[in-house]
Amino acid sequence: MRLLLDEMIGAVVAEQLRDRGHDVVAVQDPDRGHLRGLDDCLLLATGDDEGRAVVTDNISEVVGLPAECFGDRGQRSCGSLAVRELPQRRQ
């Protein structure tokens, strides 16, 4: 599974996952600064364009997003993963 970590998850988490062989990028990665502060639907669309599920701790904001973002346009979504507790955030 390919993942895109939302901006509240530090780049160090993505780095640690990559070190373990996972295909993960993060909004906090230096080359992903253009994704910071992006609307949730646009972030989900970015994940979809890259074939990545978005990982976030914004559970209340994520519920129903695929339908809201893509509606009847027939687009697919790689989805989102909502986590309740994140590892300590380090920048």
Protein backbone atom coordinates (compact mmCIF):
# COMPACT_ATOMS: atom_id res chain seq x y z
CA MET A 1 0.00 0.00 0.00
CA ARG A 2 1.32 3.42 -0.96
CA LEU A 3 0.73 6.14 1.64
CA LEU A 4 0.66 9.94 1.84
CA LEU A 5 0.98 11.20 5.43
CA ASP A 6 -1.05 14.31 6.24
CA GLU A 7 0.78 17.35 7.55
CA MET A 8 0.30 16.63 11.26
CA ILE A 9 2.50 13.55 10.86
CA GLY A 10 6.18 14.45 10.81
CA ALA A 11 8.50 13.63 7.93
CA VAL A 12 10.52 11.48 10.33
CA VAL A 13 7.65 8.96 10.40
CA ALA A 14 7.70 8.72 6.61
CA GLU A 15 11.49 8.38 6.68
CA GLN A 16 11.32 5.56 9.23
CA LEU A 17 8.71 3.73 7.17
CA ARG A 18 10.76 4.18 3.98
CA ASP A 19 13.79 2.78 5.82
CA ARG A 20 11.67 -0.33 6.43
CA GLY A 21 10.85 -0.67 2.74
CA HIS A 22 7.44 1.05 2.60
CA ASP A 23 6.37 3.43 -0.16
CA VAL A 24 5.50 6.48 1.94
CA VAL A 25 5.66 10.23 1.40
CA ALA A 26 4.63 13.00 3.79
CA VAL A 27 3.29 16.51 3.40
CA GLN A 28 6.15 17.45 5.78
CA ASP A 29 8.81 16.06 3.40
CA PRO A 30 11.00 18.95 2.17
CA ASP A 31 9.95 18.42 -1.46
CA ARG A 32 6.23 18.37 -0.58
CA GLY A 33 5.88 21.86 0.91
CA HIS A 34 3.31 22.77 -1.74
CA LEU A 35 0.88 20.36 -0.02
CA ARG A 36 0.94 22.14 3.36
CA GLY A 37 -2.39 23.69 4.26
CA LEU A 38 -4.06 22.10 1.24
CA ASP A 39 -7.82 21.55 1.40
CA ASP A 40 -8.68 17.98 2.48
CA CYS A 41 -10.39 17.19 -0.82
CA LEU A 42 -7.39 18.42 -2.79
CA LEU A 43 -5.03 16.39 -0.61
CA LEU A 44 -7.20 13.31 -1.15
CA ALA A 45 -7.18 13.98 -4.90
CA THR A 46 -3.37 14.32 -4.79
CA GLY A 47 -3.15 10.98 -3.01
CA ASP A 48 -5.45 9.47 -5.59
CA ASP A 49 -3.40 10.90 -8.48
CA GLU A 50 -0.32 9.24 -6.97
CA GLY A 51 -2.11 6.02 -6.05
CA ARG A 52 -1.71 6.69 -2.34
CA ALA A 53 -4.06 6.44 0.62
CA VAL A 54 -3.96 9.53 2.84
CA VAL A 55 -3.09 8.89 6.50
CA THR A 56 -4.45 11.46 8.95
CA ASP A 57 -5.56 11.91 12.53
CA ASN A 58 -8.38 14.27 11.50
CA ILE A 59 -10.96 11.52 11.91
CA SER A 60 -13.95 13.85 12.08
CA GLU A 61 -12.88 15.63 8.91
CA VAL A 62 -12.10 12.47 6.93
CA VAL A 63 -15.39 10.62 7.42
CA GLY A 64 -17.35 10.93 4.19
CA LEU A 65 -14.64 12.79 2.31
CA PRO A 66 -14.40 10.49 -0.72
CA ALA A 67 -18.10 10.92 -1.47
CA GLU A 68 -17.95 14.65 -0.77
CA CYS A 69 -14.85 15.17 -2.88
CA PHE A 70 -15.65 12.98 -5.83
CA GLY A 71 -19.44 12.83 -5.71
CA ASP A 72 -21.08 11.61 -8.88
CA ARG A 73 -18.07 12.32 -11.09
CA GLY A 74 -17.19 8.65 -11.11
CA GLN A 75 -13.66 9.17 -9.86
CA ARG A 76 -12.12 6.58 -7.63
CA SER A 77 -10.26 7.23 -4.42
CA CYS A 78 -7.35 5.34 -2.92
CA GLY A 79 -8.99 6.26 0.35
CA SER A 80 -7.81 7.48 3.65
CA LEU A 81 -6.64 5.89 6.86
CA ALA A 82 -7.61 7.63 10.08
CA VAL A 83 -5.42 6.96 13.08
CA ARG A 84 -6.38 7.70 16.66
CA GLU A 85 -2.96 8.04 18.22
CA LEU A 86 0.20 9.04 16.46
CA PRO A 87 3.78 8.47 17.53
CA GLN A 88 5.45 11.46 19.14
CA ARG A 89 5.89 14.07 16.45
CA ARG A 90 9.44 15.13 15.74
CA GLN A 91 10.44 17.51 13.01
